[in-house]
N, C-alpha and C. Protein backbone atom coordinates (compact mmCIF):
# COMPACT_ATOMS: atom_id res chain seq x y z
N MET A 1 47.19 53.82 -6.79
CA MET A 1 48.52 54.14 -7.26
C MET A 1 49.40 52.88 -7.18
N THR A 2 50.17 52.66 -8.24
CA THR A 2 51.01 51.47 -8.27
C THR A 2 52.31 51.71 -7.52
N GLU A 3 52.80 50.65 -6.99
CA GLU A 3 54.06 50.71 -6.24
C GLU A 3 55.22 50.78 -7.22
N PRO A 4 56.27 51.59 -6.94
CA PRO A 4 57.40 51.68 -7.86
C PRO A 4 58.13 50.34 -7.98
N ARG A 5 58.68 50.15 -9.16
CA ARG A 5 59.39 48.91 -9.47
C ARG A 5 60.61 48.77 -8.55
N LYS A 6 60.80 47.58 -8.02
CA LYS A 6 61.93 47.31 -7.12
C LYS A 6 63.21 47.08 -7.91
N ILE A 7 64.31 47.24 -7.24
CA ILE A 7 65.62 46.98 -7.83
C ILE A 7 65.69 45.52 -8.28
N ASP A 8 66.36 45.25 -9.39
CA ASP A 8 66.47 43.86 -9.83
C ASP A 8 67.86 43.31 -9.48
N SER A 9 68.00 42.01 -9.66
CA SER A 9 69.24 41.33 -9.23
C SER A 9 70.46 41.80 -10.02
N VAL A 10 70.28 42.16 -11.27
CA VAL A 10 71.40 42.64 -12.09
C VAL A 10 71.92 43.96 -11.52
N GLN A 11 71.01 44.83 -11.13
CA GLN A 11 71.43 46.11 -10.56
C GLN A 11 72.16 45.91 -9.23
N ILE A 12 71.68 44.99 -8.42
CA ILE A 12 72.36 44.71 -7.15
C ILE A 12 73.78 44.23 -7.41
N LYS A 13 73.92 43.33 -8.37
CA LYS A 13 75.26 42.83 -8.71
C LYS A 13 76.15 43.96 -9.21
N LEU A 14 75.60 44.82 -10.07
CA LEU A 14 76.38 45.93 -10.60
C LEU A 14 76.84 46.87 -9.49
N LEU A 15 75.96 47.14 -8.53
CA LEU A 15 76.33 48.02 -7.43
C LEU A 15 77.47 47.41 -6.61
N HIS A 16 77.41 46.12 -6.36
CA HIS A 16 78.46 45.46 -5.58
C HIS A 16 79.78 45.39 -6.36
N ILE A 17 79.69 45.16 -7.65
CA ILE A 17 80.91 45.14 -8.48
C ILE A 17 81.53 46.53 -8.53
N ALA A 18 80.69 47.54 -8.70
CA ALA A 18 81.19 48.93 -8.76
C ALA A 18 81.85 49.30 -7.44
N LYS A 19 81.25 48.89 -6.34
CA LYS A 19 81.83 49.17 -5.01
C LYS A 19 83.23 48.58 -4.92
N ALA A 20 83.39 47.35 -5.39
CA ALA A 20 84.70 46.70 -5.33
C ALA A 20 85.70 47.33 -6.30
N LYS A 21 85.26 47.58 -7.54
CA LYS A 21 86.17 48.11 -8.56
C LYS A 21 86.64 49.52 -8.24
N LEU A 22 85.74 50.35 -7.70
CA LEU A 22 86.09 51.73 -7.38
C LEU A 22 86.69 51.86 -5.97
N LYS A 23 86.78 50.72 -5.27
CA LYS A 23 87.36 50.68 -3.92
C LYS A 23 86.64 51.66 -2.98
N ILE A 24 85.33 51.55 -2.98
CA ILE A 24 84.50 52.39 -2.13
C ILE A 24 84.40 51.74 -0.74
N THR A 25 84.65 52.50 0.30
CA THR A 25 84.55 51.96 1.67
C THR A 25 83.09 51.76 2.03
N ASP A 26 82.85 51.01 3.11
CA ASP A 26 81.48 50.75 3.56
C ASP A 26 80.77 52.05 3.94
N GLU A 27 81.50 52.96 4.60
CA GLU A 27 80.89 54.22 5.01
C GLU A 27 80.49 55.06 3.79
N GLU A 28 81.37 55.11 2.77
CA GLU A 28 81.05 55.86 1.55
C GLU A 28 79.88 55.23 0.81
N TYR A 29 79.84 53.90 0.80
CA TYR A 29 78.76 53.18 0.12
C TYR A 29 77.43 53.46 0.80
N ARG A 30 77.42 53.42 2.13
CA ARG A 30 76.18 53.71 2.87
C ARG A 30 75.72 55.14 2.63
N ALA A 31 76.68 56.07 2.58
CA ALA A 31 76.33 57.46 2.32
C ALA A 31 75.71 57.62 0.93
N LEU A 32 76.26 56.89 -0.06
CA LEU A 32 75.69 56.94 -1.41
C LEU A 32 74.28 56.36 -1.42
N LEU A 33 74.08 55.25 -0.70
CA LEU A 33 72.74 54.64 -0.65
C LEU A 33 71.73 55.62 -0.06
N ILE A 34 72.11 56.29 1.01
CA ILE A 34 71.20 57.24 1.66
C ILE A 34 70.95 58.44 0.74
N LYS A 35 72.01 58.90 0.05
CA LYS A 35 71.87 60.05 -0.84
C LYS A 35 70.93 59.76 -2.01
N PHE A 36 71.06 58.56 -2.61
CA PHE A 36 70.27 58.24 -3.80
C PHE A 36 68.94 57.58 -3.47
N SER A 37 68.80 57.07 -2.24
CA SER A 37 67.54 56.44 -1.86
C SER A 37 67.26 56.71 -0.39
N PRO A 38 66.46 57.69 -0.14
CA PRO A 38 66.14 58.00 1.27
C PRO A 38 65.48 56.83 1.99
N THR A 39 64.86 55.92 1.23
CA THR A 39 64.17 54.79 1.87
C THR A 39 65.10 53.61 2.11
N SER A 40 66.35 53.67 1.64
CA SER A 40 67.23 52.51 1.74
C SER A 40 67.63 52.20 3.18
N TRP A 41 67.46 53.15 4.09
CA TRP A 41 67.83 52.89 5.48
C TRP A 41 66.61 52.71 6.38
N ASP A 42 65.43 52.61 5.75
CA ASP A 42 64.22 52.40 6.54
C ASP A 42 64.24 51.08 7.29
N MET A 43 64.81 50.05 6.70
CA MET A 43 64.83 48.73 7.32
C MET A 43 65.69 48.73 8.58
N ASP A 44 66.89 49.30 8.45
CA ASP A 44 67.81 49.37 9.58
C ASP A 44 68.65 50.63 9.41
N PRO A 45 68.41 51.66 10.19
CA PRO A 45 69.11 52.93 10.00
C PRO A 45 70.63 52.81 10.09
N ALA A 46 71.13 51.85 10.83
CA ALA A 46 72.59 51.70 10.95
C ALA A 46 73.19 51.04 9.72
N HIS A 47 72.39 50.27 9.01
CA HIS A 47 72.89 49.54 7.84
C HIS A 47 71.93 49.69 6.66
N PRO A 48 72.07 50.77 5.88
CA PRO A 48 71.20 50.91 4.70
C PRO A 48 71.51 49.80 3.69
N SER A 49 70.49 49.41 2.97
CA SER A 49 70.64 48.30 2.03
C SER A 49 70.17 48.71 0.64
N CYS A 50 70.88 48.22 -0.38
CA CYS A 50 70.47 48.52 -1.75
C CYS A 50 69.20 47.76 -2.11
N LYS A 51 68.87 46.70 -1.38
CA LYS A 51 67.69 45.90 -1.68
C LYS A 51 66.39 46.68 -1.43
N ALA A 52 66.47 47.77 -0.65
CA ALA A 52 65.28 48.58 -0.39
C ALA A 52 65.09 49.66 -1.45
N MET A 53 66.03 49.79 -2.41
CA MET A 53 65.95 50.82 -3.44
C MET A 53 64.93 50.46 -4.51
N THR A 54 64.48 51.48 -5.22
CA THR A 54 63.64 51.25 -6.39
C THR A 54 64.55 51.11 -7.61
N TYR A 55 63.95 50.67 -8.70
CA TYR A 55 64.70 50.48 -9.94
C TYR A 55 65.30 51.82 -10.41
N ALA A 56 64.51 52.89 -10.36
CA ALA A 56 64.96 54.20 -10.81
C ALA A 56 66.09 54.74 -9.94
N GLU A 57 65.99 54.53 -8.62
CA GLU A 57 67.04 54.98 -7.72
C GLU A 57 68.34 54.24 -7.98
N ALA A 58 68.24 52.93 -8.18
CA ALA A 58 69.43 52.13 -8.47
C ALA A 58 70.06 52.55 -9.80
N SER A 59 69.24 52.83 -10.80
CA SER A 59 69.76 53.29 -12.09
C SER A 59 70.50 54.61 -11.94
N ALA A 60 69.96 55.51 -11.14
CA ALA A 60 70.61 56.80 -10.91
C ALA A 60 71.95 56.61 -10.21
N LEU A 61 72.00 55.70 -9.23
CA LEU A 61 73.25 55.43 -8.51
C LEU A 61 74.28 54.79 -9.44
N ILE A 62 73.84 53.87 -10.28
CA ILE A 62 74.76 53.23 -11.24
C ILE A 62 75.31 54.28 -12.21
N ASP A 63 74.47 55.18 -12.69
CA ASP A 63 74.94 56.25 -13.57
C ASP A 63 75.96 57.14 -12.86
N HIS A 64 75.72 57.42 -11.57
CA HIS A 64 76.67 58.21 -10.79
C HIS A 64 78.02 57.49 -10.69
N LEU A 65 77.98 56.18 -10.45
CA LEU A 65 79.21 55.40 -10.35
C LEU A 65 79.94 55.31 -11.69
N LYS A 66 79.18 55.27 -12.79
CA LYS A 66 79.79 55.30 -14.12
C LYS A 66 80.53 56.62 -14.33
N ALA A 67 79.95 57.71 -13.87
CA ALA A 67 80.60 59.02 -13.99
C ALA A 67 81.87 59.08 -13.17
N LYS A 68 81.93 58.28 -12.11
CA LYS A 68 83.13 58.22 -11.26
C LYS A 68 84.20 57.29 -11.82
N GLY A 69 83.90 56.58 -12.94
CA GLY A 69 84.90 55.74 -13.58
C GLY A 69 84.56 54.27 -13.67
N PHE A 70 83.40 53.87 -13.18
CA PHE A 70 83.00 52.47 -13.27
C PHE A 70 82.60 52.14 -14.71
N LYS A 71 83.15 51.04 -15.23
CA LYS A 71 82.82 50.60 -16.58
C LYS A 71 82.17 49.24 -16.51
N ILE A 72 81.03 49.13 -17.17
CA ILE A 72 80.33 47.85 -17.22
C ILE A 72 80.96 47.00 -18.30
N VAL A 73 81.38 45.79 -17.92
CA VAL A 73 82.00 44.87 -18.87
C VAL A 73 81.14 43.62 -18.91
N ARG A 74 80.88 43.16 -20.11
CA ARG A 74 80.07 41.95 -20.26
C ARG A 74 80.83 40.74 -19.76
N ARG A 75 80.09 39.70 -19.54
CA ARG A 75 80.67 38.44 -19.08
C ARG A 75 81.73 37.98 -20.08
N GLY A 76 82.86 37.52 -19.61
CA GLY A 76 83.94 37.08 -20.48
C GLY A 76 84.89 38.21 -20.82
N GLY A 77 84.70 39.39 -20.24
CA GLY A 77 85.62 40.49 -20.46
C GLY A 77 85.39 41.26 -21.74
N VAL A 78 84.26 41.03 -22.42
CA VAL A 78 83.97 41.74 -23.66
C VAL A 78 83.23 43.03 -23.32
N PRO A 79 83.81 44.20 -23.63
CA PRO A 79 83.11 45.45 -23.32
C PRO A 79 81.91 45.64 -24.23
N PRO A 80 80.95 46.48 -23.84
CA PRO A 80 79.80 46.74 -24.70
C PRO A 80 80.27 47.30 -26.04
N THR A 81 79.59 46.89 -27.12
CA THR A 81 80.03 47.28 -28.46
C THR A 81 79.59 48.66 -28.86
N ASN A 82 78.50 49.16 -28.33
CA ASN A 82 78.01 50.46 -28.74
C ASN A 82 78.69 51.54 -27.92
N THR A 83 79.71 52.16 -28.50
CA THR A 83 80.47 53.19 -27.79
C THR A 83 80.00 54.58 -28.17
N GLY A 84 79.02 54.67 -29.07
CA GLY A 84 78.54 55.97 -29.50
C GLY A 84 79.45 56.63 -30.52
N GLN A 85 80.44 55.91 -31.01
CA GLN A 85 81.39 56.48 -31.97
C GLN A 85 81.35 55.68 -33.26
N GLY A 86 80.23 55.73 -33.96
CA GLY A 86 80.14 55.05 -35.25
C GLY A 86 79.71 53.60 -35.10
N ASP A 87 80.28 52.76 -35.94
CA ASP A 87 79.90 51.35 -35.96
C ASP A 87 80.35 50.65 -34.69
N PRO A 88 79.59 49.63 -34.29
CA PRO A 88 80.02 48.86 -33.13
C PRO A 88 81.29 48.08 -33.44
N ALA A 89 82.06 47.84 -32.41
CA ALA A 89 83.31 47.10 -32.58
C ALA A 89 83.01 45.66 -32.96
N PRO A 90 83.75 45.10 -33.92
CA PRO A 90 83.51 43.72 -34.30
C PRO A 90 83.94 42.77 -33.18
N THR A 91 83.19 41.70 -33.02
CA THR A 91 83.53 40.71 -32.01
C THR A 91 83.91 39.41 -32.68
N LYS A 92 84.76 38.65 -32.01
CA LYS A 92 85.23 37.39 -32.56
C LYS A 92 84.54 36.20 -31.92
N ARG A 93 83.49 36.45 -31.14
CA ARG A 93 82.84 35.33 -30.49
C ARG A 93 81.91 34.61 -31.46
N LYS A 94 81.68 33.36 -31.17
CA LYS A 94 80.85 32.52 -32.03
C LYS A 94 79.38 32.87 -31.84
N LEU A 95 78.67 33.01 -32.95
CA LEU A 95 77.26 33.35 -32.90
C LEU A 95 76.42 32.09 -32.69
N PRO A 96 75.26 32.22 -32.07
CA PRO A 96 74.38 31.07 -31.94
C PRO A 96 73.92 30.59 -33.32
N PRO A 97 73.57 29.32 -33.44
CA PRO A 97 73.18 28.79 -34.76
C PRO A 97 71.93 29.45 -35.34
N SER A 98 71.11 30.07 -34.52
CA SER A 98 69.89 30.69 -35.01
C SER A 98 70.14 32.06 -35.65
N ILE A 99 71.36 32.58 -35.53
CA ILE A 99 71.68 33.90 -36.08
C ILE A 99 72.55 33.73 -37.32
N THR A 100 72.16 34.39 -38.41
CA THR A 100 72.91 34.36 -39.66
C THR A 100 73.48 35.74 -39.89
N GLN A 101 74.80 35.79 -40.08
CA GLN A 101 75.46 37.06 -40.33
C GLN A 101 75.51 37.29 -41.83
N MET A 102 75.12 38.48 -42.25
CA MET A 102 75.10 38.81 -43.67
C MET A 102 76.51 39.10 -44.17
N VAL A 103 76.69 38.99 -45.48
CA VAL A 103 77.99 39.23 -46.10
C VAL A 103 78.37 40.71 -45.90
N THR A 104 79.66 40.96 -45.64
CA THR A 104 80.11 42.33 -45.42
C THR A 104 80.62 42.94 -46.73
N ASN A 105 80.74 44.24 -46.75
CA ASN A 105 81.27 44.92 -47.93
C ASN A 105 82.71 44.50 -48.20
N GLU A 106 83.49 44.29 -47.15
CA GLU A 106 84.88 43.87 -47.33
C GLU A 106 84.95 42.50 -48.00
N GLN A 107 84.06 41.59 -47.61
CA GLN A 107 84.04 40.28 -48.24
C GLN A 107 83.65 40.39 -49.71
N LEU A 108 82.67 41.22 -50.03
CA LEU A 108 82.27 41.39 -51.42
C LEU A 108 83.40 41.99 -52.26
N LYS A 109 84.12 42.95 -51.69
CA LYS A 109 85.26 43.54 -52.41
C LYS A 109 86.34 42.50 -52.66
N MET A 110 86.60 41.64 -51.67
CA MET A 110 87.60 40.58 -51.83
C MET A 110 87.18 39.61 -52.92
N ILE A 111 85.91 39.25 -52.95
CA ILE A 111 85.41 38.34 -53.99
C ILE A 111 85.57 38.98 -55.37
N LEU A 112 85.20 40.24 -55.51
CA LEU A 112 85.35 40.93 -56.81
C LEU A 112 86.81 40.98 -57.24
N HIS A 113 87.70 41.25 -56.31
CA HIS A 113 89.13 41.33 -56.62
C HIS A 113 89.65 39.96 -57.08
N LEU A 114 89.31 38.91 -56.35
CA LEU A 114 89.77 37.56 -56.72
C LEU A 114 89.13 37.12 -58.04
N LYS A 115 87.86 37.45 -58.22
CA LYS A 115 87.15 37.09 -59.45
C LYS A 115 87.83 37.71 -60.67
N ALA A 116 88.33 38.95 -60.52
CA ALA A 116 88.99 39.64 -61.63
C ALA A 116 90.37 39.05 -61.91
N ASP A 117 91.03 38.47 -60.90
CA ASP A 117 92.37 37.91 -61.07
C ASP A 117 92.38 36.53 -61.72
N ILE A 118 91.25 35.87 -61.76
CA ILE A 118 91.18 34.50 -62.26
C ILE A 118 90.79 34.49 -63.74
N ARG A 119 91.45 33.61 -64.49
CA ARG A 119 91.08 33.41 -65.91
C ARG A 119 89.93 32.40 -65.96
N TRP A 120 88.80 32.84 -66.45
CA TRP A 120 87.64 31.96 -66.54
C TRP A 120 87.58 31.40 -67.95
N ARG A 121 87.31 30.11 -68.06
CA ARG A 121 87.26 29.46 -69.38
C ARG A 121 86.06 29.96 -70.17
N ILE A 122 84.97 30.21 -69.52
CA ILE A 122 83.79 30.77 -70.17
C ILE A 122 83.73 32.22 -69.71
N MET A 123 84.03 33.13 -70.61
CA MET A 123 84.27 34.51 -70.22
C MET A 123 83.07 35.29 -69.67
N PRO A 124 81.97 35.43 -70.35
CA PRO A 124 80.99 36.38 -69.83
C PRO A 124 80.43 35.99 -68.46
N ASP A 125 80.19 34.71 -68.24
CA ASP A 125 79.56 34.32 -66.98
C ASP A 125 80.23 33.12 -66.32
N GLY A 126 81.53 33.04 -66.44
CA GLY A 126 82.27 31.92 -65.86
C GLY A 126 82.14 31.85 -64.35
N TYR A 127 82.26 32.99 -63.71
CA TYR A 127 82.15 33.03 -62.24
C TYR A 127 80.76 32.58 -61.79
N ASP A 128 79.72 33.08 -62.47
CA ASP A 128 78.35 32.74 -62.08
C ASP A 128 78.09 31.24 -62.25
N ARG A 129 78.61 30.67 -63.32
CA ARG A 129 78.44 29.23 -63.54
C ARG A 129 79.20 28.43 -62.48
N TRP A 130 80.42 28.87 -62.17
CA TRP A 130 81.23 28.20 -61.16
C TRP A 130 80.53 28.26 -59.79
N LEU A 131 79.98 29.43 -59.47
CA LEU A 131 79.29 29.62 -58.19
C LEU A 131 78.10 28.67 -58.08
N LYS A 132 77.36 28.54 -59.15
CA LYS A 132 76.17 27.68 -59.15
C LYS A 132 76.56 26.20 -59.10
N LYS A 133 77.60 25.82 -59.86
CA LYS A 133 77.99 24.41 -59.95
C LYS A 133 78.69 23.91 -58.69
N TYR A 134 79.67 24.65 -58.21
CA TYR A 134 80.49 24.15 -57.12
C TYR A 134 80.05 24.63 -55.73
N MET A 135 79.44 25.78 -55.65
CA MET A 135 78.99 26.29 -54.35
C MET A 135 77.49 26.08 -54.13
N GLN A 136 76.78 25.68 -55.17
CA GLN A 136 75.33 25.44 -55.13
C GLN A 136 74.54 26.66 -54.63
N ILE A 137 74.97 27.85 -55.04
CA ILE A 137 74.24 29.08 -54.71
C ILE A 137 74.18 29.97 -55.94
N GLU A 138 73.17 30.82 -55.99
CA GLU A 138 73.03 31.77 -57.10
C GLU A 138 73.89 33.00 -56.88
N ARG A 139 73.93 33.45 -55.60
CA ARG A 139 74.74 34.62 -55.24
C ARG A 139 75.15 34.48 -53.78
N VAL A 140 76.18 35.21 -53.40
CA VAL A 140 76.68 35.18 -52.04
C VAL A 140 75.80 36.08 -51.18
N ALA A 141 75.21 35.50 -50.12
CA ALA A 141 74.31 36.28 -49.28
C ALA A 141 74.77 36.34 -47.82
N THR A 142 75.42 35.28 -47.32
CA THR A 142 75.82 35.26 -45.92
C THR A 142 77.33 35.32 -45.78
N ALA A 143 77.78 35.66 -44.60
CA ALA A 143 79.22 35.74 -44.34
C ALA A 143 79.87 34.36 -44.44
N LYS A 144 79.15 33.33 -44.03
CA LYS A 144 79.69 31.96 -44.12
C LYS A 144 79.88 31.55 -45.58
N GLN A 145 78.91 31.85 -46.42
CA GLN A 145 79.05 31.57 -47.86
C GLN A 145 80.21 32.36 -48.45
N ALA A 146 80.31 33.62 -48.07
CA ALA A 146 81.37 34.48 -48.59
C ALA A 146 82.74 33.92 -48.22
N GLN A 147 82.89 33.43 -47.00
CA GLN A 147 84.17 32.89 -46.58
C GLN A 147 84.54 31.65 -47.40
N LYS A 148 83.56 30.78 -47.65
CA LYS A 148 83.81 29.59 -48.47
C LYS A 148 84.21 29.99 -49.89
N VAL A 149 83.50 30.96 -50.47
CA VAL A 149 83.78 31.41 -51.83
C VAL A 149 85.17 32.04 -51.89
N ILE A 150 85.52 32.86 -50.92
CA ILE A 150 86.84 33.52 -50.90
C ILE A 150 87.95 32.48 -50.83
N GLU A 151 87.80 31.51 -49.95
CA GLU A 151 88.84 30.47 -49.83
C GLU A 151 88.96 29.66 -51.12
N ALA A 152 87.83 29.34 -51.75
CA ALA A 152 87.88 28.58 -53.00
C ALA A 152 88.52 29.41 -54.12
N LEU A 153 88.19 30.70 -54.19
CA LEU A 153 88.79 31.57 -55.22
C LEU A 153 90.29 31.75 -54.98
N LYS A 154 90.70 31.85 -53.73
CA LYS A 154 92.13 31.94 -53.43
C LYS A 154 92.87 30.69 -53.89
N ALA A 155 92.28 29.53 -53.63
CA ALA A 155 92.90 28.27 -54.06
C ALA A 155 92.97 28.20 -55.58
N MET A 156 91.90 28.63 -56.25
CA MET A 156 91.88 28.61 -57.71
C MET A 156 92.94 29.55 -58.27
N LYS A 157 93.08 30.72 -57.68
CA LYS A 157 94.09 31.69 -58.13
C LYS A 157 95.50 31.13 -57.93
N ALA A 158 95.74 30.52 -56.76
CA ALA A 158 97.06 29.94 -56.49
C ALA A 158 97.37 28.81 -57.46
N ARG A 159 96.36 28.00 -57.76
CA ARG A 159 96.55 26.89 -58.71
C ARG A 159 96.89 27.43 -60.10
N GLN A 160 96.21 28.48 -60.54
CA GLN A 160 96.50 29.07 -61.85
C GLN A 160 97.89 29.69 -61.88
N GLN A 161 98.28 30.35 -60.80
CA GLN A 161 99.62 30.94 -60.75
C GLN A 161 100.69 29.86 -60.77
N ASN A 162 100.45 28.75 -60.09
CA ASN A 162 101.39 27.64 -60.07
C ASN A 162 101.51 27.03 -61.47
N GLU A 163 100.38 26.84 -62.14
CA GLU A 163 100.40 26.31 -63.51
C GLU A 163 101.14 27.25 -64.45
N ASP A 164 100.94 28.56 -64.30
CA ASP A 164 101.63 29.54 -65.14
C ASP A 164 103.13 29.49 -64.94
N SER A 165 103.56 29.35 -63.69
CA SER A 165 105.02 29.31 -63.45
C SER A 165 105.62 28.03 -63.99
N ILE A 166 104.89 26.92 -63.90
CA ILE A 166 105.40 25.65 -64.47
C ILE A 166 105.49 25.76 -65.98
N LYS A 167 104.46 26.30 -66.61
CA LYS A 167 104.49 26.47 -68.06
C LYS A 167 105.61 27.40 -68.48
N ALA A 168 105.82 28.44 -67.73
CA ALA A 168 106.89 29.38 -68.06
C ALA A 168 108.25 28.70 -67.93
N GLN A 169 108.45 27.89 -66.91
CA GLN A 169 109.73 27.19 -66.75
C GLN A 169 109.93 26.18 -67.87
N GLN A 170 108.89 25.44 -68.21
CA GLN A 170 109.00 24.45 -69.28
C GLN A 170 109.27 25.13 -70.61
N GLY A 171 108.60 26.22 -70.86
CA GLY A 171 108.80 26.95 -72.10
C GLY A 171 110.19 27.54 -72.16
N GLN A 172 110.68 28.06 -71.08
CA GLN A 172 112.03 28.64 -71.03
C GLN A 172 113.07 27.55 -71.24
N GLN A 173 112.87 26.39 -70.60
CA GLN A 173 113.81 25.28 -70.76
C GLN A 173 113.83 24.80 -72.20
N PHE A 174 112.67 24.76 -72.83
CA PHE A 174 112.59 24.32 -74.22
C PHE A 174 113.39 25.25 -75.12
N TYR A 175 113.27 26.53 -74.90
CA TYR A 175 113.98 27.48 -75.75
C TYR A 175 115.47 27.56 -75.41
N ASP A 176 115.84 27.25 -74.18
CA ASP A 176 117.24 27.34 -73.78
C ASP A 176 118.06 26.13 -74.24
N ARG A 177 117.42 25.02 -74.60
CA ARG A 177 118.18 23.85 -75.05
C ARG A 177 118.62 24.05 -76.50
N PRO A 178 119.74 23.52 -76.81
CA PRO A 178 120.20 23.61 -78.22
C PRO A 178 119.29 22.80 -79.15
N ALA A 179 119.27 23.14 -80.39
CA ALA A 179 118.42 22.46 -81.37
C ALA A 179 118.77 20.99 -81.49
N SER A 180 120.04 20.63 -81.29
CA SER A 180 120.45 19.24 -81.39
C SER A 180 119.82 18.39 -80.29
N GLU A 181 119.40 19.01 -79.19
CA GLU A 181 118.78 18.28 -78.09
C GLU A 181 117.26 18.42 -78.10
N GLY A 182 116.72 18.91 -79.19
CA GLY A 182 115.26 19.03 -79.29
C GLY A 182 114.75 20.38 -78.91
N GLY A 183 115.64 21.33 -78.66
CA GLY A 183 115.23 22.67 -78.31
C GLY A 183 114.85 23.46 -79.54
N ASN A 184 114.51 24.66 -79.37
CA ASN A 184 114.12 25.52 -80.48
C ASN A 184 114.65 26.91 -80.20
N TYR A 185 114.82 27.64 -81.24
CA TYR A 185 115.31 29.02 -81.10
C TYR A 185 114.13 29.97 -81.12
N ARG A 186 114.31 31.08 -80.44
CA ARG A 186 113.27 32.10 -80.46
C ARG A 186 113.37 32.88 -81.76
N TRP A 187 112.28 33.20 -82.30
CA TRP A 187 112.29 33.97 -83.55
C TRP A 187 111.98 35.38 -83.31
């Protein structure tokens, strides 16, 4: 018969953090250790230790402490993302270089919206040609690519709007000047 798995260092840390966060006294902590692990006081009956617990016993005690209000928080204060209520919460932390985040639906919707607002010189496939020529990609696949495309489309839209307002001002000024000064009348 195999010996049960021993408590690991993460569980020991969690137990000590939970004890501090829930403000559990030493007497209450010892009583919990004895309740969840009858073998925890075998080493020294006056001072039961969590180090004598098995992995399963420690897991049961941690679950009990969670029910009492203990919340496990990841390093850096970021709570676990899986709350059991739909999609995980988005995080703003930087991903390792080996992980590529795929384009989101929101990014694709933004690209479609900006693409529709821009006047393309070549109508049927102007966007596709622009994407291939300036972004060197066939289609947007990653979140990083999507962000670059969105920023470029925003700049292009702003540039077109600026050109339109300048043309409108110049055209208005041309029509507002008298004919003797080179202006023209509206027909």
